[in-house]
Amino acid sequence: MNIIYKSAVFIIITGVLLAAFLVPIPNIPALGEKARILFLHVPTAWLSVVAFLISMIYSIVYLRKRDIYADVKAFASAEIGFLFCILATVTGSVWAKFSWGSFWNWDPRETSIFILLLIYGAYFSLRSAIDNPEQKAKLASVYSIIAFITVPFFIFIMPRLVETLHPDPIINDRGKINMSPNMQIIFFSSLTGFTLLFFWMLNVKVRLENLRIKKLNVN
């Protein structure tokens, strides 16, 4: 990726981080200044879903074409998605500490993201337990597809089926965004910046994995 792309990522992320803590926001009942955490929490949660989706797509590509580089992309995306999932958990726990008095309360949303971490942690354990590259890629691809099927349920469905301490979704039942104009600018800039950051990280990770595979083939 060229220098313009990297510069754009740096500028947007820096601007978002500064604005997230310095720009005045309206008082939100029951949230107050703690609402600022959503500028980081929501994008990281969103990107974990995007990353796991991309991992599933490349897993399907591998099973259809047996292209090892498709498996590399699936693995790389899952790794980055796992990182963003951890960041979403951490930022959510920080918010929970200030709002509910403890970092962890086994709220439905906390429980669902914890289960996802276990599911994708098992994905990496599966890969590390198999030495044969083709068998590893095949089994990991099947697992990745099955794992992603659970993502919409744990992220979007389960937390809405049971009573939760978690604040209402940003987009309400009428399809409107519960934010002031200032907050919307920061929020969507954050989504854009972190999404660009994700694809940059994915590009770097894939290139490193491809170099590792080529080095192994030479040896």
N, C-alpha and C. Protein backbone atom coordinates (compact mmCIF):
# COMPACT_ATOMS: atom_id res chain seq x y z
N MET A 1 0.85 -1.20 0.00
CA MET A 1 0.00 0.00 0.00
C MET A 1 0.88 1.25 0.00
N ASN A 2 0.45 2.26 -0.76
CA ASN A 2 1.32 3.42 -0.93
C ASN A 2 1.30 4.33 0.28
N ILE A 3 2.17 5.34 0.21
CA ILE A 3 2.36 6.26 1.32
C ILE A 3 1.12 7.10 1.59
N ILE A 4 0.33 7.36 0.55
CA ILE A 4 -0.89 8.16 0.72
C ILE A 4 -1.89 7.41 1.60
N TYR A 5 -2.03 6.13 1.34
CA TYR A 5 -2.95 5.29 2.14
C TYR A 5 -2.50 5.27 3.61
N LYS A 6 -1.22 5.03 3.82
CA LYS A 6 -0.69 4.96 5.18
C LYS A 6 -0.83 6.30 5.90
N SER A 7 -0.59 7.37 5.17
CA SER A 7 -0.71 8.70 5.77
C SER A 7 -2.15 8.99 6.14
N ALA A 8 -3.08 8.57 5.28
CA ALA A 8 -4.50 8.79 5.55
C ALA A 8 -4.92 8.03 6.81
N VAL A 9 -4.44 6.80 6.96
CA VAL A 9 -4.75 6.01 8.15
C VAL A 9 -4.23 6.71 9.40
N PHE A 10 -2.99 7.15 9.34
CA PHE A 10 -2.38 7.82 10.50
C PHE A 10 -3.14 9.09 10.87
N ILE A 11 -3.46 9.90 9.87
CA ILE A 11 -4.14 11.18 10.13
C ILE A 11 -5.53 10.95 10.71
N ILE A 12 -6.28 10.02 10.12
CA ILE A 12 -7.65 9.77 10.59
C ILE A 12 -7.65 9.21 12.00
N ILE A 13 -6.81 8.21 12.25
CA ILE A 13 -6.77 7.59 13.57
C ILE A 13 -6.33 8.60 14.63
N THR A 14 -5.30 9.39 14.31
CA THR A 14 -4.83 10.41 15.25
C THR A 14 -5.93 11.43 15.53
N GLY A 15 -6.60 11.88 14.47
CA GLY A 15 -7.68 12.85 14.64
C GLY A 15 -8.83 12.29 15.47
N VAL A 16 -9.16 11.04 15.24
CA VAL A 16 -10.25 10.39 15.99
C VAL A 16 -9.89 10.29 17.46
N LEU A 17 -8.67 9.87 17.76
CA LEU A 17 -8.25 9.72 19.16
C LEU A 17 -8.27 11.05 19.90
N LEU A 18 -7.84 12.10 19.22
CA LEU A 18 -7.86 13.43 19.84
C LEU A 18 -9.29 13.93 20.03
N ALA A 19 -10.09 13.78 18.97
CA ALA A 19 -11.48 14.25 19.04
C ALA A 19 -12.30 13.46 20.04
N ALA A 20 -12.02 12.17 20.15
CA ALA A 20 -12.79 11.31 21.04
C ALA A 20 -12.73 11.77 22.49
N PHE A 21 -11.61 12.41 22.87
CA PHE A 21 -11.44 12.80 24.26
C PHE A 21 -11.47 14.31 24.47
N LEU A 22 -11.39 15.09 23.39
CA LEU A 22 -11.32 16.54 23.55
C LEU A 22 -12.56 17.29 23.08
N VAL A 23 -13.23 16.77 22.05
CA VAL A 23 -14.41 17.46 21.51
C VAL A 23 -15.59 17.32 22.47
N PRO A 24 -16.24 18.43 22.82
CA PRO A 24 -17.40 18.34 23.72
C PRO A 24 -18.53 17.50 23.12
N ILE A 25 -19.17 16.70 23.95
CA ILE A 25 -20.32 15.91 23.51
C ILE A 25 -21.48 16.20 24.45
N PRO A 26 -22.71 16.07 23.96
CA PRO A 26 -23.87 16.34 24.81
C PRO A 26 -23.99 15.30 25.92
N ASN A 27 -24.63 15.70 27.00
CA ASN A 27 -24.84 14.77 28.11
C ASN A 27 -25.85 13.71 27.71
N ILE A 28 -25.46 12.45 27.85
CA ILE A 28 -26.33 11.33 27.53
C ILE A 28 -26.76 10.68 28.84
N PRO A 29 -28.06 10.60 29.10
CA PRO A 29 -28.54 10.02 30.37
C PRO A 29 -27.94 8.63 30.62
N ALA A 30 -27.45 8.43 31.83
CA ALA A 30 -26.88 7.16 32.30
C ALA A 30 -25.49 6.88 31.71
N LEU A 31 -25.06 7.69 30.76
CA LEU A 31 -23.74 7.46 30.16
C LEU A 31 -22.77 8.60 30.45
N GLY A 32 -23.23 9.84 30.21
CA GLY A 32 -22.37 10.98 30.45
C GLY A 32 -21.10 10.93 29.61
N GLU A 33 -19.96 11.28 30.23
CA GLU A 33 -18.68 11.29 29.53
C GLU A 33 -18.22 9.88 29.15
N LYS A 34 -18.79 8.87 29.80
CA LYS A 34 -18.41 7.48 29.49
C LYS A 34 -18.81 7.09 28.07
N ALA A 35 -19.71 7.88 27.46
CA ALA A 35 -20.15 7.58 26.10
C ALA A 35 -19.00 7.68 25.11
N ARG A 36 -17.92 8.37 25.49
CA ARG A 36 -16.77 8.53 24.58
C ARG A 36 -16.13 7.20 24.21
N ILE A 37 -16.27 6.21 25.07
CA ILE A 37 -15.64 4.91 24.81
C ILE A 37 -16.19 4.25 23.55
N LEU A 38 -17.42 4.63 23.16
CA LEU A 38 -18.02 3.98 21.98
C LEU A 38 -17.26 4.32 20.71
N PHE A 39 -16.51 5.44 20.71
CA PHE A 39 -15.72 5.79 19.53
C PHE A 39 -14.62 4.77 19.28
N LEU A 40 -14.25 4.00 20.29
CA LEU A 40 -13.24 2.95 20.16
C LEU A 40 -13.87 1.56 20.24
N HIS A 41 -14.84 1.41 21.12
CA HIS A 41 -15.43 0.09 21.37
C HIS A 41 -16.20 -0.44 20.16
N VAL A 42 -17.05 0.39 19.60
CA VAL A 42 -17.89 -0.07 18.47
C VAL A 42 -17.06 -0.40 17.23
N PRO A 43 -16.11 0.47 16.81
CA PRO A 43 -15.31 0.10 15.64
C PRO A 43 -14.51 -1.19 15.82
N THR A 44 -13.96 -1.42 17.01
CA THR A 44 -13.20 -2.66 17.21
C THR A 44 -14.12 -3.88 17.16
N ALA A 45 -15.32 -3.74 17.73
CA ALA A 45 -16.28 -4.85 17.67
C ALA A 45 -16.73 -5.08 16.22
N TRP A 46 -16.97 -3.99 15.50
CA TRP A 46 -17.39 -4.07 14.11
C TRP A 46 -16.33 -4.76 13.26
N LEU A 47 -15.08 -4.40 13.47
CA LEU A 47 -14.00 -4.96 12.65
C LEU A 47 -13.72 -6.42 12.98
N SER A 48 -14.01 -6.84 14.20
CA SER A 48 -13.85 -8.26 14.50
C SER A 48 -14.84 -9.07 13.66
N VAL A 49 -16.06 -8.55 13.50
CA VAL A 49 -17.05 -9.23 12.66
C VAL A 49 -16.60 -9.23 11.20
N VAL A 50 -16.13 -8.08 10.72
CA VAL A 50 -15.67 -7.98 9.33
C VAL A 50 -14.51 -8.94 9.08
N ALA A 51 -13.58 -8.99 10.00
CA ALA A 51 -12.40 -9.85 9.84
C ALA A 51 -12.79 -11.33 9.83
N PHE A 52 -13.69 -11.72 10.71
CA PHE A 52 -14.13 -13.12 10.74
C PHE A 52 -14.92 -13.47 9.47
N LEU A 53 -15.67 -12.49 8.95
CA LEU A 53 -16.39 -12.71 7.69
C LEU A 53 -15.41 -12.93 6.54
N ILE A 54 -14.39 -12.08 6.46
CA ILE A 54 -13.39 -12.23 5.40
C ILE A 54 -12.66 -13.56 5.55
N SER A 55 -12.38 -13.96 6.77
CA SER A 55 -11.75 -15.26 7.00
C SER A 55 -12.61 -16.39 6.47
N MET A 56 -13.91 -16.30 6.71
CA MET A 56 -14.82 -17.33 6.21
C MET A 56 -14.84 -17.35 4.68
N ILE A 57 -14.86 -16.17 4.07
CA ILE A 57 -14.91 -16.08 2.61
C ILE A 57 -13.68 -16.74 1.99
N TYR A 58 -12.51 -16.43 2.53
CA TYR A 58 -11.28 -17.01 1.98
C TYR A 58 -11.19 -18.50 2.31
N SER A 59 -11.82 -18.93 3.38
CA SER A 59 -11.87 -20.36 3.69
C SER A 59 -12.68 -21.10 2.64
N ILE A 60 -13.79 -20.49 2.22
CA ILE A 60 -14.60 -21.07 1.16
C ILE A 60 -13.81 -21.13 -0.14
N VAL A 61 -13.08 -20.05 -0.43
CA VAL A 61 -12.25 -20.01 -1.64
C VAL A 61 -11.22 -21.13 -1.61
N TYR A 62 -10.61 -21.34 -0.44
CA TYR A 62 -9.61 -22.41 -0.35
C TYR A 62 -10.24 -23.78 -0.63
N LEU A 63 -11.39 -24.05 -0.03
CA LEU A 63 -12.03 -25.35 -0.22
C LEU A 63 -12.44 -25.58 -1.67
N ARG A 64 -12.73 -24.51 -2.38
CA ARG A 64 -13.13 -24.64 -3.79
C ARG A 64 -11.93 -24.78 -4.71
N LYS A 65 -10.85 -24.04 -4.44
CA LYS A 65 -9.72 -23.97 -5.37
C LYS A 65 -8.45 -24.62 -4.86
N ARG A 66 -8.42 -24.95 -3.54
CA ARG A 66 -7.22 -25.51 -2.91
C ARG A 66 -6.01 -24.60 -3.11
N ASP A 67 -6.27 -23.30 -3.04
CA ASP A 67 -5.22 -22.29 -3.16
C ASP A 67 -4.69 -21.97 -1.77
N ILE A 68 -3.44 -22.33 -1.52
CA ILE A 68 -2.87 -22.16 -0.18
C ILE A 68 -2.83 -20.69 0.23
N TYR A 69 -2.74 -19.80 -0.75
CA TYR A 69 -2.69 -18.37 -0.41
C TYR A 69 -4.06 -17.86 0.04
N ALA A 70 -5.12 -18.54 -0.34
CA ALA A 70 -6.44 -18.21 0.19
C ALA A 70 -6.51 -18.58 1.67
N ASP A 71 -5.89 -19.69 2.01
CA ASP A 71 -5.84 -20.08 3.43
C ASP A 71 -5.00 -19.09 4.23
N VAL A 72 -3.93 -18.59 3.62
CA VAL A 72 -3.09 -17.59 4.28
C VAL A 72 -3.92 -16.35 4.61
N LYS A 73 -4.73 -15.91 3.67
CA LYS A 73 -5.57 -14.73 3.89
C LYS A 73 -6.63 -15.00 4.95
N ALA A 74 -7.18 -16.21 4.93
CA ALA A 74 -8.19 -16.58 5.94
C ALA A 74 -7.58 -16.57 7.33
N PHE A 75 -6.39 -17.13 7.45
CA PHE A 75 -5.69 -17.19 8.73
C PHE A 75 -5.31 -15.79 9.22
N ALA A 76 -4.77 -14.98 8.30
CA ALA A 76 -4.35 -13.62 8.66
C ALA A 76 -5.54 -12.79 9.13
N SER A 77 -6.65 -12.89 8.42
CA SER A 77 -7.84 -12.12 8.79
C SER A 77 -8.39 -12.58 10.13
N ALA A 78 -8.37 -13.87 10.37
CA ALA A 78 -8.86 -14.40 11.66
C ALA A 78 -7.98 -13.91 12.80
N GLU A 79 -6.67 -13.86 12.58
CA GLU A 79 -5.76 -13.37 13.63
C GLU A 79 -6.04 -11.91 13.98
N ILE A 80 -6.21 -11.10 12.96
CA ILE A 80 -6.48 -9.68 13.20
C ILE A 80 -7.87 -9.51 13.83
N GLY A 81 -8.83 -10.31 13.36
CA GLY A 81 -10.17 -10.26 13.95
C GLY A 81 -10.14 -10.63 15.42
N PHE A 82 -9.32 -11.60 15.76
CA PHE A 82 -9.17 -12.02 17.16
C PHE A 82 -8.59 -10.87 18.00
N LEU A 83 -7.62 -10.16 17.43
CA LEU A 83 -7.03 -9.01 18.12
C LEU A 83 -8.09 -7.93 18.36
N PHE A 84 -8.88 -7.61 17.34
CA PHE A 84 -9.92 -6.60 17.50
C PHE A 84 -11.01 -7.06 18.46
N CYS A 85 -11.27 -8.35 18.50
CA CYS A 85 -12.24 -8.90 19.43
C CYS A 85 -11.75 -8.71 20.88
N ILE A 86 -10.46 -8.91 21.09
CA ILE A 86 -9.87 -8.67 22.41
C ILE A 86 -9.97 -7.19 22.78
N LEU A 87 -9.68 -6.30 21.81
CA LEU A 87 -9.78 -4.86 22.06
C LEU A 87 -11.20 -4.45 22.39
N ALA A 88 -12.17 -5.04 21.69
CA ALA A 88 -13.58 -4.75 21.99
C ALA A 88 -13.93 -5.21 23.39
N THR A 89 -13.40 -6.36 23.80
CA THR A 89 -13.65 -6.87 25.15
C THR A 89 -13.03 -5.97 26.20
N VAL A 90 -11.80 -5.51 25.95
CA VAL A 90 -11.11 -4.65 26.91
C VAL A 90 -11.83 -3.31 27.05
N THR A 91 -12.14 -2.66 25.92
CA THR A 91 -12.82 -1.37 25.99
C THR A 91 -14.20 -1.50 26.62
N GLY A 92 -14.88 -2.60 26.34
CA GLY A 92 -16.18 -2.83 26.97
C GLY A 92 -16.05 -3.05 28.46
N SER A 93 -15.00 -3.73 28.88
CA SER A 93 -14.77 -3.99 30.30
C SER A 93 -14.44 -2.71 31.05
N VAL A 94 -13.67 -1.82 30.40
CA VAL A 94 -13.35 -0.53 31.02
C VAL A 94 -14.64 0.26 31.24
N TRP A 95 -15.49 0.28 30.22
CA TRP A 95 -16.77 0.98 30.36
C TRP A 95 -17.61 0.36 31.47
N ALA A 96 -17.62 -0.98 31.54
CA ALA A 96 -18.41 -1.68 32.57
C ALA A 96 -17.93 -1.33 33.97
N LYS A 97 -16.62 -1.17 34.13
CA LYS A 97 -16.06 -0.83 35.44
C LYS A 97 -16.61 0.50 35.95
N PHE A 98 -16.65 1.49 35.06
CA PHE A 98 -17.12 2.82 35.47
C PHE A 98 -18.64 2.90 35.54
N SER A 99 -19.33 2.03 34.80
CA SER A 99 -20.79 2.10 34.78
C SER A 99 -21.45 1.14 35.76
N TRP A 100 -20.90 -0.06 35.89
CA TRP A 100 -21.54 -1.10 36.71
C TRP A 100 -20.74 -1.47 37.94
N GLY A 101 -19.53 -0.91 38.07
CA GLY A 101 -18.74 -1.15 39.27
C GLY A 101 -17.76 -2.28 39.19
N SER A 102 -17.76 -3.05 38.12
CA SER A 102 -16.79 -4.14 37.96
C SER A 102 -16.48 -4.33 36.49
N PHE A 103 -15.29 -4.88 36.21
CA PHE A 103 -14.88 -5.08 34.83
C PHE A 103 -15.69 -6.15 34.12
N TRP A 104 -16.21 -7.11 34.87
CA TRP A 104 -16.92 -8.23 34.24
C TRP A 104 -18.17 -8.58 35.03
N ASN A 105 -19.29 -8.68 34.34
CA ASN A 105 -20.58 -8.94 35.01
C ASN A 105 -21.36 -10.09 34.38
N TRP A 106 -20.76 -10.75 33.40
CA TRP A 106 -21.43 -11.83 32.67
C TRP A 106 -22.76 -11.36 32.06
N ASP A 107 -22.76 -10.09 31.64
CA ASP A 107 -23.87 -9.56 30.87
C ASP A 107 -23.94 -10.34 29.55
N PRO A 108 -25.12 -10.47 28.94
CA PRO A 108 -25.23 -11.23 27.68
C PRO A 108 -24.22 -10.83 26.61
N ARG A 109 -23.96 -9.52 26.48
CA ARG A 109 -23.00 -9.09 25.46
C ARG A 109 -21.57 -9.47 25.85
N GLU A 110 -21.26 -9.38 27.13
CA GLU A 110 -19.93 -9.80 27.59
C GLU A 110 -19.77 -11.31 27.41
N THR A 111 -20.82 -12.04 27.75
CA THR A 111 -20.77 -13.50 27.63
C THR A 111 -20.63 -13.93 26.18
N SER A 112 -21.36 -13.26 25.29
CA SER A 112 -21.33 -13.64 23.87
C SER A 112 -19.96 -13.40 23.26
N ILE A 113 -19.32 -12.27 23.60
CA ILE A 113 -18.00 -12.00 23.02
C ILE A 113 -16.95 -12.91 23.64
N PHE A 114 -17.15 -13.30 24.89
CA PHE A 114 -16.24 -14.25 25.53
C PHE A 114 -16.31 -15.61 24.83
N ILE A 115 -17.53 -16.03 24.47
CA ILE A 115 -17.70 -17.30 23.76
C ILE A 115 -17.02 -17.23 22.40
N LEU A 116 -17.15 -16.08 21.72
CA LEU A 116 -16.49 -15.93 20.42
C LEU A 116 -14.97 -16.04 20.55
N LEU A 117 -14.43 -15.47 21.60
CA LEU A 117 -12.99 -15.59 21.83
C LEU A 117 -12.59 -17.05 22.02
N LEU A 118 -13.41 -17.81 22.71
CA LEU A 118 -13.13 -19.24 22.89
C LEU A 118 -13.22 -19.98 21.56
N ILE A 119 -14.24 -19.65 20.77
CA ILE A 119 -14.43 -20.33 19.48
C ILE A 119 -13.24 -20.09 18.56
N TYR A 120 -12.80 -18.84 18.46
CA TYR A 120 -11.69 -18.56 17.56
C TYR A 120 -10.33 -18.89 18.18
N GLY A 121 -10.28 -18.94 19.51
CA GLY A 121 -9.08 -19.46 20.15
C GLY A 121 -8.88 -20.92 19.78
N ALA A 122 -9.99 -21.66 19.71
CA ALA A 122 -9.93 -23.07 19.31
C ALA A 122 -9.48 -23.20 17.85
N TYR A 123 -9.83 -22.22 17.02
CA TYR A 123 -9.40 -22.22 15.62
C TYR A 123 -7.88 -22.19 15.52
N PHE A 124 -7.25 -21.32 16.32
CA PHE A 124 -5.79 -21.23 16.30
C PHE A 124 -5.15 -22.47 16.92
N SER A 125 -5.80 -23.04 17.92
CA SER A 125 -5.29 -24.28 18.53
C SER A 125 -5.32 -25.41 17.52
N LEU A 126 -6.40 -25.46 16.73
CA LEU A 126 -6.52 -26.49 15.69
C LEU A 126 -5.39 -26.36 14.68
N ARG A 127 -5.13 -25.16 14.25
CA ARG A 127 -4.07 -24.95 13.26
C ARG A 127 -2.70 -25.34 13.81
N SER A 128 -2.45 -25.00 15.06
CA SER A 128 -1.14 -25.29 15.64
C SER A 128 -0.95 -26.77 15.93
N ALA A 129 -2.05 -27.52 15.99
CA ALA A 129 -1.96 -28.94 16.33
C ALA A 129 -1.72 -29.83 15.11
N ILE A 130 -1.82 -29.26 13.90
CA ILE A 130 -1.68 -30.05 12.68
C ILE A 130 -0.43 -29.59 11.93
N ASP A 131 0.44 -30.54 11.58
CA ASP A 131 1.69 -30.22 10.90
C ASP A 131 1.54 -30.19 9.38
N ASN A 132 0.75 -31.09 8.84
CA ASN A 132 0.59 -31.16 7.38
C ASN A 132 -0.12 -29.92 6.87
N PRO A 133 0.51 -29.12 6.00
CA PRO A 133 -0.08 -27.85 5.54
C PRO A 133 -1.44 -28.01 4.87
N GLU A 134 -1.59 -29.02 4.01
CA GLU A 134 -2.85 -29.20 3.29
C GLU A 134 -3.97 -29.62 4.24
N GLN A 135 -3.67 -30.55 5.13
CA GLN A 135 -4.67 -30.98 6.10
C GLN A 135 -5.04 -29.84 7.04
N LYS A 136 -4.03 -29.08 7.45
CA LYS A 136 -4.27 -27.93 8.32
C LYS A 136 -5.20 -26.93 7.65
N ALA A 137 -4.90 -26.60 6.39
CA ALA A 137 -5.70 -25.61 5.66
C ALA A 137 -7.13 -26.11 5.46
N LYS A 138 -7.28 -27.40 5.16
CA LYS A 138 -8.61 -27.96 4.90
C LYS A 138 -9.47 -27.95 6.16
N LEU A 139 -8.94 -28.48 7.26
CA LEU A 139 -9.71 -28.55 8.50
C LEU A 139 -9.97 -27.15 9.06
N ALA A 140 -8.97 -26.28 8.96
CA ALA A 140 -9.13 -24.92 9.47
C ALA A 140 -10.18 -24.16 8.67
N SER A 141 -10.24 -24.40 7.37
CA SER A 141 -11.23 -23.73 6.53
C SER A 141 -12.65 -24.16 6.89
N VAL A 142 -12.81 -25.47 7.09
CA VAL A 142 -14.13 -25.97 7.50
C VAL A 142 -14.53 -25.37 8.84
N TYR A 143 -13.57 -25.35 9.76
CA TYR A 143 -13.86 -24.81 11.10
C TYR A 143 -14.19 -23.32 11.01
N SER A 144 -13.46 -22.57 10.19
CA SER A 144 -13.69 -21.13 10.05
C SER A 144 -15.10 -20.84 9.57
N ILE A 145 -15.57 -21.64 8.61
CA ILE A 145 -16.93 -21.45 8.09
C ILE A 145 -17.96 -21.71 9.18
N ILE A 146 -17.79 -22.81 9.90
CA ILE A 146 -18.73 -23.14 10.98
C ILE A 146 -18.67 -22.09 12.09
N ALA A 147 -17.45 -21.63 12.40
CA ALA A 147 -17.29 -20.63 13.46
C ALA A 147 -18.02 -19.35 13.13
N PHE A 148 -17.93 -18.92 11.86
CA PHE A 148 -18.56 -17.64 11.53
C PHE A 148 -20.08 -17.73 11.59
N ILE A 149 -20.63 -18.90 11.36
CA ILE A 149 -22.08 -19.05 11.46
C ILE A 149 -22.59 -18.62 12.83
N THR A 150 -21.74 -18.79 13.85
CA THR A 150 -22.14 -18.43 15.22
C THR A 150 -22.02 -16.92 15.48
N VAL A 151 -21.23 -16.22 14.65
CA VAL A 151 -20.96 -14.81 14.93
C VAL A 151 -22.22 -13.94 14.93
N PRO A 152 -23.07 -13.99 13.89
CA PRO A 152 -24.28 -13.15 13.92
C PRO A 152 -25.16 -13.45 15.13
N PHE A 153 -25.22 -14.73 15.52
CA PHE A 153 -26.06 -15.09 16.68
C PHE A 153 -25.53 -14.46 17.95
N PHE A 154 -24.23 -14.61 18.21
CA PHE A 154 -23.66 -14.11 19.46
C PHE A 154 -23.53 -12.59 19.50
N ILE A 155 -23.33 -11.95 18.35
CA ILE A 155 -23.15 -10.51 18.32
C ILE A 155 -24.47 -9.75 18.20
N PHE A 156 -25.36 -10.23 17.34
CA PHE A 156 -26.56 -9.45 17.03
C PHE A 156 -27.87 -10.01 17.61
N ILE A 157 -27.94 -11.33 17.78
CA ILE A 157 -29.21 -11.95 18.16
C ILE A 157 -29.31 -12.23 19.65
N MET A 158 -28.36 -13.00 20.20
CA MET A 158 -28.45 -13.40 21.60
C MET A 158 -28.59 -12.23 22.57
N PRO A 159 -27.79 -11.15 22.41
CA PRO A 159 -27.93 -10.03 23.37
C PRO A 159 -29.30 -9.36 23.34
N ARG A 160 -30.04 -9.56 22.24
CA ARG A 160 -31.37 -8.95 22.13
C ARG A 160 -32.48 -9.89 22.59
N LEU A 161 -32.15 -11.14 22.85
CA LEU A 161 -33.15 -12.10 23.28
C LEU A 161 -33.35 -12.09 24.79
N VAL A 162 -32.34 -11.63 25.51
CA VAL A 162 -32.41 -11.65 26.97
C VAL A 162 -32.16 -10.25 27.51
N GLU A 163 -32.57 -10.02 28.74
CA GLU A 163 -32.39 -8.72 29.37
C GLU A 163 -30.90 -8.43 29.57
N THR A 164 -30.51 -7.20 29.30
CA THR A 164 -29.09 -6.85 29.36
C THR A 164 -28.88 -5.50 30.04
N LEU A 165 -27.71 -5.35 30.67
CA LEU A 165 -27.33 -4.07 31.26
C LEU A 165 -26.75 -3.13 30.21
N HIS A 166 -26.42 -3.68 29.07
CA HIS A 166 -25.78 -2.91 28.00
C HIS A 166 -26.70 -1.81 27.50
N PRO A 167 -26.14 -0.62 27.18
CA PRO A 167 -26.98 0.46 26.63
C PRO A 167 -27.65 0.05 25.33
N ASP A 168 -28.69 0.79 24.94
CA ASP A 168 -29.38 0.52 23.69
C ASP A 168 -28.42 0.62 22.52
N PRO A 169 -28.68 -0.11 21.42
CA PRO A 169 -27.82 -0.01 20.24
C PRO A 169 -27.78 1.41 19.70
N ILE A 170 -26.69 1.72 19.00
CA ILE A 170 -26.54 3.06 18.42
C ILE A 170 -27.66 3.34 17.44
N ILE A 171 -28.02 2.34 16.63
CA ILE A 171 -29.15 2.47 15.71
C ILE A 171 -30.38 1.89 16.39
N ASN A 172 -31.39 2.74 16.66
CA ASN A 172 -32.55 2.28 17.41
C ASN A 172 -33.52 1.48 16.54
N ASP A 173 -34.65 1.10 17.13
CA ASP A 173 -35.61 0.26 16.43
C ASP A 173 -36.23 0.95 15.22
N ARG A 174 -36.19 2.28 15.20
CA ARG A 174 -36.75 3.02 14.07
C ARG A 174 -35.71 3.31 12.99
N GLY A 175 -34.51 2.77 13.18
CA GLY A 175 -33.46 2.94 12.19
C GLY A 175 -32.74 4.27 12.27
N LYS A 176 -32.93 5.00 13.38
CA LYS A 176 -32.27 6.28 13.55
C LYS A 176 -31.05 6.15 14.46
N ILE A 177 -30.04 6.99 14.22
CA ILE A 177 -28.80 6.94 15.00
C ILE A 177 -28.93 7.84 16.22
N ASN A 178 -28.72 7.26 17.39
CA ASN A 178 -28.85 8.00 18.64
C ASN A 178 -27.58 8.78 18.97
N MET A 179 -27.25 9.76 18.14
CA MET A 179 -26.04 10.56 18.35
C MET A 179 -26.26 11.99 17.88
N SER A 180 -25.52 12.90 18.51
CA SER A 180 -25.52 14.28 18.05
C SER A 180 -24.67 14.36 16.78
N PRO A 181 -24.81 15.44 16.00
CA PRO A 181 -23.99 15.58 14.77
C PRO A 181 -22.49 15.48 15.04
N ASN A 182 -22.01 16.13 16.12
CA ASN A 182 -20.59 16.05 16.44
C ASN A 182 -20.14 14.61 16.69
N MET A 183 -20.95 13.89 17.45
CA MET A 183 -20.61 12.50 17.77
C MET A 183 -20.65 11.63 16.52
N GLN A 184 -21.59 11.91 15.62
CA GLN A 184 -21.68 11.13 14.39
C GLN A 184 -20.43 11.31 13.54
N ILE A 185 -19.93 12.55 13.46
CA ILE A 185 -18.71 12.80 12.67
C ILE A 185 -17.53 12.02 13.24
N ILE A 186 -17.37 12.07 14.56
CA ILE A 186 -16.26 11.35 15.19
C ILE A 186 -16.45 9.85 15.03
N PHE A 187 -17.68 9.39 15.24
CA PHE A 187 -17.95 7.95 15.18
C PHE A 187 -17.67 7.38 13.79
N PHE A 188 -18.21 8.02 12.76
CA PHE A 188 -18.02 7.48 11.41
C PHE A 188 -16.58 7.68 10.92
N SER A 189 -15.92 8.72 11.41
CA SER A 189 -14.49 8.87 11.10
C SER A 189 -13.71 7.74 11.75
N SER A 190 -14.10 7.37 12.96
CA SER A 190 -13.45 6.26 13.65
C SER A 190 -13.67 4.95 12.91
N LEU A 191 -14.91 4.71 12.48
CA LEU A 191 -15.20 3.50 11.70
C LEU A 191 -14.34 3.46 10.43
N THR A 192 -14.26 4.60 9.76
CA THR A 192 -13.47 4.67 8.51
C THR A 192 -11.99 4.44 8.79
N GLY A 193 -11.46 5.14 9.79
CA GLY A 193 -10.04 5.02 10.10
C GLY A 193 -9.64 3.63 10.52
N PHE A 194 -10.43 3.03 11.41
CA PHE A 194 -10.10 1.68 11.88
C PHE A 194 -10.29 0.63 10.78
N THR A 195 -11.24 0.87 9.89
CA THR A 195 -11.43 -0.06 8.77
C THR A 195 -10.22 0.00 7.84
N LEU A 196 -9.75 1.21 7.54
CA LEU A 196 -8.54 1.35 6.72
C LEU A 196 -7.34 0.73 7.42
N LEU A 197 -7.26 0.91 8.74
CA LEU A 197 -6.17 0.30 9.51
C LEU A 197 -6.22 -1.22 9.42
N PHE A 198 -7.42 -1.78 9.49
CA PHE A 198 -7.57 -3.23 9.39
C PHE A 198 -7.03 -3.75 8.06
N PHE A 199 -7.42 -3.12 6.96
CA PHE A 199 -6.97 -3.62 5.66
C PHE A 199 -5.47 -3.43 5.47
N TRP A 200 -4.91 -2.40 6.07
CA TRP A 200 -3.45 -2.24 6.03
C TRP A 200 -2.78 -3.36 6.82
N MET A 201 -3.30 -3.65 8.01
CA MET A 201 -2.76 -4.74 8.83
C MET A 201 -2.89 -6.08 8.11
N LEU A 202 -4.02 -6.28 7.45
CA LEU A 202 -4.24 -7.53 6.72
C LEU A 202 -3.24 -7.67 5.58
N ASN A 203 -3.01 -6.57 4.86
CA ASN A 203 -2.05 -6.59 3.76
C ASN A 203 -0.66 -6.95 4.25
N VAL A 204 -0.24 -6.33 5.35
CA VAL A 204 1.09 -6.60 5.91
C VAL A 204 1.20 -8.05 6.38
N LYS A 205 0.18 -8.52 7.09
CA LYS A 205 0.19 -9.88 7.62
C LYS A 205 0.23 -10.92 6.50
N VAL A 206 -0.54 -10.71 5.45
CA VAL A 206 -0.56 -11.65 4.32
C VAL A 206 0.80 -11.68 3.63
N ARG A 207 1.40 -10.51 3.44
CA ARG A 207 2.71 -10.45 2.79
C ARG A 207 3.77 -11.19 3.62
N LEU A 208 3.72 -11.03 4.94
CA LEU A 208 4.67 -11.72 5.81
C LEU A 208 4.47 -13.23 5.75
N GLU A 209 3.21 -13.67 5.75
CA GLU A 209 2.93 -15.11 5.69
C GLU A 209 3.35 -15.68 4.34
N ASN A 210 3.13 -14.93 3.26
CA ASN A 210 3.54 -15.40 1.94
C ASN A 210 5.06 -15.54 1.85
N LEU A 211 5.78 -14.58 2.43
CA LEU A 211 7.24 -14.67 2.44
C LEU A 211 7.70 -15.88 3.25
N ARG A 212 7.02 -16.16 4.35
CA ARG A 212 7.38 -17.31 5.18
C ARG A 212 7.18 -18.61 4.40
N ILE A 213 6.07 -18.70 3.65
CA ILE A 213 5.80 -19.91 2.88
C ILE A 213 6.82 -20.07 1.75
N LYS A 214 7.15 -18.99 1.06
CA LYS A 214 8.13 -19.06 -0.02
C LYS A 214 9.51 -19.48 0.52
N LYS A 215 9.84 -18.98 1.71
CA LYS A 215 11.12 -19.35 2.33
C LYS A 215 11.15 -20.82 2.67
N LEU A 216 10.04 -21.37 3.17
CA LEU A 216 9.95 -22.79 3.49
C LEU A 216 10.05 -23.64 2.24
N ASN A 217 9.44 -23.17 1.14
CA ASN A 217 9.47 -23.92 -0.12
C ASN A 217 10.88 -23.96 -0.70
N VAL A 218 11.62 -22.87 -0.52
CA VAL A 218 13.00 -22.82 -1.02
C VAL A 218 13.88 -23.78 -0.25
N ASN A 219 13.67 -23.81 1.08
CA ASN A 219 14.47 -24.71 1.91
C ASN A 219 14.07 -26.16 1.71
